[in-house]
């Protein structure tokens, strides 16, 4: 199954209309490659709560979010495209994104514990020649997690 990935910040552009166009293009590509998985990382970059920040109209971010909502409404269970997203700031997402039929299921992934961190270091540091103690490194890094 094709896996299409994009960062939410890739949609944001200072030129009017570019963000919504990028959203349309991404969903068009997903439809062409169906069945597939479309993954939007850092959805909070484009999916922030709307309201009151701009004078006399929508901001480019709001227009881009609106296009994302429209595109998601065009999908159903027969489209064969699964849309997933990730954020570490679910509290700032626009409620419209979390409506049924959009991102209505949430999976909380907690920060790893010391043992989990050590396992991650073992995997990612294994190609390097190092004498670092992975468990000690994991303990030190745990204090840096917000």
C-alpha atoms as a PDB file:
ATOM      1  CA  UNK A   1       0.000   0.000   0.000  1.00  0.00           C
ATOM      2  CA  UNK A   2       1.501   3.389  -0.949  1.00  0.00           C
ATOM      3  CA  UNK A   3       2.316   5.648   1.994  1.00  0.00           C
ATOM      4  CA  UNK A   4       2.171   9.366   1.179  1.00  0.00           C
ATOM      5  CA  UNK A   5       3.629  11.653   3.817  1.00  0.00           C
ATOM      6  CA  UNK A   6       3.644  15.422   4.108  1.00  0.00           C
ATOM      7  CA  UNK A   7       4.374  17.934   6.862  1.00  0.00           C
ATOM      8  CA  UNK A   8       1.608  20.367   7.790  1.00  0.00           C
ATOM      9  CA  UNK A   9       4.045  23.250   7.461  1.00  0.00           C
ATOM     10  CA  UNK A  10       4.521  22.417   3.758  1.00  0.00           C
ATOM     11  CA  UNK A  11       1.021  23.768   3.098  1.00  0.00           C
ATOM     12  CA  UNK A  12       1.653  27.179   4.582  1.00  0.00           C
ATOM     13  CA  UNK A  13       2.794  29.853   2.193  1.00  0.00           C
ATOM     14  CA  UNK A  14       2.702  33.617   2.320  1.00  0.00           C
ATOM     15  CA  UNK A  15       1.232  33.833  -1.196  1.00  0.00           C
ATOM     16  CA  UNK A  16      -2.561  33.709  -1.261  1.00  0.00           C
ATOM     17  CA  UNK A  17      -4.016  30.530  -2.706  1.00  0.00           C
ATOM     18  CA  UNK A  18      -0.858  28.419  -2.674  1.00  0.00           C
ATOM     19  CA  UNK A  19      -1.712  26.514   0.532  1.00  0.00           C
ATOM     20  CA  UNK A  20      -5.206  25.441  -0.568  1.00  0.00           C
ATOM     21  CA  UNK A  21      -3.794  24.454  -3.963  1.00  0.00           C
ATOM     22  CA  UNK A  22      -1.192  22.236  -2.286  1.00  0.00           C
ATOM     23  CA  UNK A  23      -3.932  20.566  -0.228  1.00  0.00           C
ATOM     24  CA  UNK A  24      -5.996  19.878  -3.370  1.00  0.00           C
ATOM     25  CA  UNK A  25      -2.941  18.458  -5.157  1.00  0.00           C
ATOM     26  CA  UNK A  26      -2.091  16.182  -2.223  1.00  0.00           C
ATOM     27  CA  UNK A  27      -5.601  14.734  -2.013  1.00  0.00           C
ATOM     28  CA  UNK A  28      -5.723  14.342  -5.796  1.00  0.00           C
ATOM     29  CA  UNK A  29      -2.474  12.365  -5.650  1.00  0.00           C
ATOM     30  CA  UNK A  30      -3.879  10.194  -2.851  1.00  0.00           C
ATOM     31  CA  UNK A  31      -6.985   9.415  -4.907  1.00  0.00           C
ATOM     32  CA  UNK A  32      -4.816   8.437  -7.896  1.00  0.00           C
ATOM     33  CA  UNK A  33      -2.726   6.075  -5.747  1.00  0.00           C
ATOM     34  CA  UNK A  34      -5.668   4.510  -3.879  1.00  0.00           C
ATOM     35  CA  UNK A  35      -5.655   2.325  -1.984  1.00  0.00           C
ATOM     36  CA  UNK A  36      -3.125   4.262   0.063  1.00  0.00           C
ATOM     37  CA  UNK A  37      -2.353   5.911   3.374  1.00  0.00           C
ATOM     38  CA  UNK A  38      -1.996   9.689   3.527  1.00  0.00           C
ATOM     39  CA  UNK A  39      -0.045  10.844   6.589  1.00  0.00           C
ATOM     40  CA  UNK A  40       0.068  14.513   7.609  1.00  0.00           C
ATOM     41  CA  UNK A  41       2.761  15.145  10.215  1.00  0.00           C
ATOM     42  CA  UNK A  42       2.533  18.238  12.411  1.00  0.00           C
ATOM     43  CA  UNK A  43      -1.096  18.860  11.447  1.00  0.00           C
ATOM     44  CA  UNK A  44      -1.186  21.657  14.040  1.00  0.00           C
ATOM     45  CA  UNK A  45       0.808  23.859  11.632  1.00  0.00           C
ATOM     46  CA  UNK A  46      -2.206  24.078   9.343  1.00  0.00           C
ATOM     47  CA  UNK A  47      -4.978  22.918  11.689  1.00  0.00           C
ATOM     48  CA  UNK A  48      -4.835  25.572  14.403  1.00  0.00           C
ATOM     49  CA  UNK A  49      -8.080  26.936  15.791  1.00  0.00           C
ATOM     50  CA  UNK A  50      -9.575  29.580  13.561  1.00  0.00           C
ATOM     51  CA  UNK A  51     -10.811  32.943  14.614  1.00  0.00           C
ATOM     52  CA  UNK A  52     -10.133  36.611  14.943  1.00  0.00           C
ATOM     53  CA  UNK A  53      -6.482  36.898  13.977  1.00  0.00           C
ATOM     54  CA  UNK A  54      -6.876  38.683  10.662  1.00  0.00           C
ATOM     55  CA  UNK A  55      -8.770  41.829   9.783  1.00  0.00           C
ATOM     56  CA  UNK A  56     -11.403  41.762   7.061  1.00  0.00           C
ATOM     57  CA  UNK A  57     -10.972  38.204   5.825  1.00  0.00           C
ATOM     58  CA  UNK A  58      -9.442  34.820   6.224  1.00  0.00           C
ATOM     59  CA  UNK A  59      -5.756  34.290   6.687  1.00  0.00           C
ATOM     60  CA  UNK A  60      -3.909  31.981   4.318  1.00  0.00           C
ATOM     61  CA  UNK A  61      -3.701  29.430   7.146  1.00  0.00           C
ATOM     62  CA  UNK A  62      -7.488  29.527   7.588  1.00  0.00           C
ATOM     63  CA  UNK A  63      -8.061  29.188   3.841  1.00  0.00           C
ATOM     64  CA  UNK A  64      -5.711  26.206   3.784  1.00  0.00           C
ATOM     65  CA  UNK A  65      -7.474  24.624   6.762  1.00  0.00           C
ATOM     66  CA  UNK A  66     -10.852  25.183   5.100  1.00  0.00           C
ATOM     67  CA  UNK A  67      -9.605  23.407   1.963  1.00  0.00           C
ATOM     68  CA  UNK A  68      -8.328  20.510   4.075  1.00  0.00           C
ATOM     69  CA  UNK A  69     -11.762  20.191   5.702  1.00  0.00           C
ATOM     70  CA  UNK A  70     -13.495  20.241   2.299  1.00  0.00           C
ATOM     71  CA  UNK A  71     -11.163  17.558   0.935  1.00  0.00           C
ATOM     72  CA  UNK A  72     -11.678  15.334   3.967  1.00  0.00           C
ATOM     73  CA  UNK A  73     -15.444  15.640   3.601  1.00  0.00           C
ATOM     74  CA  UNK A  74     -15.041  14.251   0.069  1.00  0.00           C
ATOM     75  CA  UNK A  75     -13.664  10.965   1.400  1.00  0.00           C
ATOM     76  CA  UNK A  76     -15.716   8.039   2.595  1.00  0.00           C
ATOM     77  CA  UNK A  77     -15.130   4.371   3.321  1.00  0.00           C
ATOM     78  CA  UNK A  78     -15.233   3.483  -0.389  1.00  0.00           C
ATOM     79  CA  UNK A  79     -12.489   5.969  -1.337  1.00  0.00           C
ATOM     80  CA  UNK A  80      -9.761   3.547  -0.171  1.00  0.00           C
ATOM     81  CA  UNK A  81      -7.613   6.356   1.222  1.00  0.00           C
ATOM     82  CA  UNK A  82      -6.851   6.322   4.930  1.00  0.00           C
ATOM     83  CA  UNK A  83      -5.922   9.772   6.240  1.00  0.00           C
ATOM     84  CA  UNK A  84      -3.774   9.875   9.382  1.00  0.00           C
ATOM     85  CA  UNK A  85      -2.201  12.844  11.140  1.00  0.00           C
ATOM     86  CA  UNK A  86       0.141  13.485  14.038  1.00  0.00           C
ATOM     87  CA  UNK A  87       0.545  16.363  16.453  1.00  0.00           C
ATOM     88  CA  UNK A  88       1.961  16.965  19.872  1.00  0.00           C
ATOM     89  CA  UNK A  89      -0.472  19.895  20.322  1.00  0.00           C
ATOM     90  CA  UNK A  90      -3.969  18.405  20.045  1.00  0.00           C
ATOM     91  CA  UNK A  91      -5.154  21.196  22.364  1.00  0.00           C
ATOM     92  CA  UNK A  92      -4.718  23.853  19.638  1.00  0.00           C
ATOM     93  CA  UNK A  93      -6.440  21.961  16.812  1.00  0.00           C
ATOM     94  CA  UNK A  94      -9.589  23.415  15.305  1.00  0.00           C
ATOM     95  CA  UNK A  95     -12.595  21.430  16.558  1.00  0.00           C
ATOM     96  CA  UNK A  96     -13.812  20.986  12.978  1.00  0.00           C
ATOM     97  CA  UNK A  97     -10.824  18.696  12.316  1.00  0.00           C
ATOM     98  CA  UNK A  98     -11.964  16.360  15.093  1.00  0.00           C
ATOM     99  CA  UNK A  99     -15.545  15.986  13.882  1.00  0.00           C
ATOM    100  CA  UNK A 100     -16.903  12.542  12.934  1.00  0.00           C
ATOM    101  CA  UNK A 101     -15.727  11.569   9.471  1.00  0.00           C
ATOM    102  CA  UNK A 102     -12.517  13.553   9.785  1.00  0.00           C
ATOM    103  CA  UNK A 103      -9.966  12.894  12.550  1.00  0.00           C
ATOM    104  CA  UNK A 104     -12.532  11.429  14.915  1.00  0.00           C
ATOM    105  CA  UNK A 105     -10.258   8.779  16.435  1.00  0.00           C
ATOM    106  CA  UNK A 106      -7.286   9.750  18.548  1.00  0.00           C
ATOM    107  CA  UNK A 107      -4.441   7.547  19.714  1.00  0.00           C
ATOM    108  CA  UNK A 108      -2.301   8.966  22.494  1.00  0.00           C
ATOM    109  CA  UNK A 109       1.356   7.938  22.273  1.00  0.00           C
ATOM    110  CA  UNK A 110       3.140   8.819  25.512  1.00  0.00           C
ATOM    111  CA  UNK A 111       6.813   9.666  25.767  1.00  0.00           C
ATOM    112  CA  UNK A 112       8.909   6.520  26.200  1.00  0.00           C
ATOM    113  CA  UNK A 113      10.119   5.467  29.628  1.00  0.00           C
ATOM    114  CA  UNK A 114      13.828   4.959  30.403  1.00  0.00           C
ATOM    115  CA  UNK A 115      13.801   1.390  29.068  1.00  0.00           C
ATOM    116  CA  UNK A 116      12.039   2.500  25.880  1.00  0.00           C
ATOM    117  CA  UNK A 117      14.490   5.354  25.359  1.00  0.00           C
ATOM    118  CA  UNK A 118      17.428   3.000  25.813  1.00  0.00           C
ATOM    119  CA  UNK A 119      15.948   0.677  23.170  1.00  0.00           C
ATOM    120  CA  UNK A 120      15.570   3.594  20.766  1.00  0.00           C
ATOM    121  CA  UNK A 121      19.197   4.599  21.318  1.00  0.00           C
ATOM    122  CA  UNK A 122      20.355   1.013  20.767  1.00  0.00           C
ATOM    123  CA  UNK A 123      18.616   0.907  17.382  1.00  0.00           C
ATOM    124  CA  UNK A 124      19.713   4.318  16.142  1.00  0.00           C
ATOM    125  CA  UNK A 125      23.236   4.305  17.554  1.00  0.00           C
ATOM    126  CA  UNK A 126      24.056   0.737  16.478  1.00  0.00           C
ATOM    127  CA  UNK A 127      25.601   1.826  13.129  1.00  0.00           C
ATOM    128  CA  UNK A 128      28.006   4.115  15.027  1.00  0.00           C
ATOM    129  CA  UNK A 129      31.110   3.097  16.899  1.00  0.00           C
ATOM    130  CA  UNK A 130      30.453   4.410  20.377  1.00  0.00           C
ATOM    131  CA  UNK A 131      31.124   3.432  23.955  1.00  0.00           C
ATOM    132  CA  UNK A 132      28.143   5.390  25.270  1.00  0.00           C
ATOM    133  CA  UNK A 133      26.028   3.580  27.818  1.00  0.00           C
ATOM    134  CA  UNK A 134      22.531   3.656  26.288  1.00  0.00           C
ATOM    135  CA  UNK A 135      20.754   3.395  29.658  1.00  0.00           C
ATOM    136  CA  UNK A 136      22.705   6.320  31.133  1.00  0.00           C
ATOM    137  CA  UNK A 137      22.055   8.350  28.008  1.00  0.00           C
ATOM    138  CA  UNK A 138      18.345   7.505  28.244  1.00  0.00           C
ATOM    139  CA  UNK A 139      18.232   8.726  31.861  1.00  0.00           C
ATOM    140  CA  UNK A 140      19.927  12.003  30.952  1.00  0.00           C
ATOM    141  CA  UNK A 141      17.624  12.600  27.981  1.00  0.00           C
ATOM    142  CA  UNK A 142      14.464  11.860  29.982  1.00  0.00           C
ATOM    143  CA  UNK A 143      14.967  15.098  31.893  1.00  0.00           C
ATOM    144  CA  UNK A 144      14.880  17.036  28.604  1.00  0.00           C
ATOM    145  CA  UNK A 145      11.407  15.872  27.565  1.00  0.00           C
ATOM    146  CA  UNK A 146       8.826  18.611  28.167  1.00  0.00           C
END
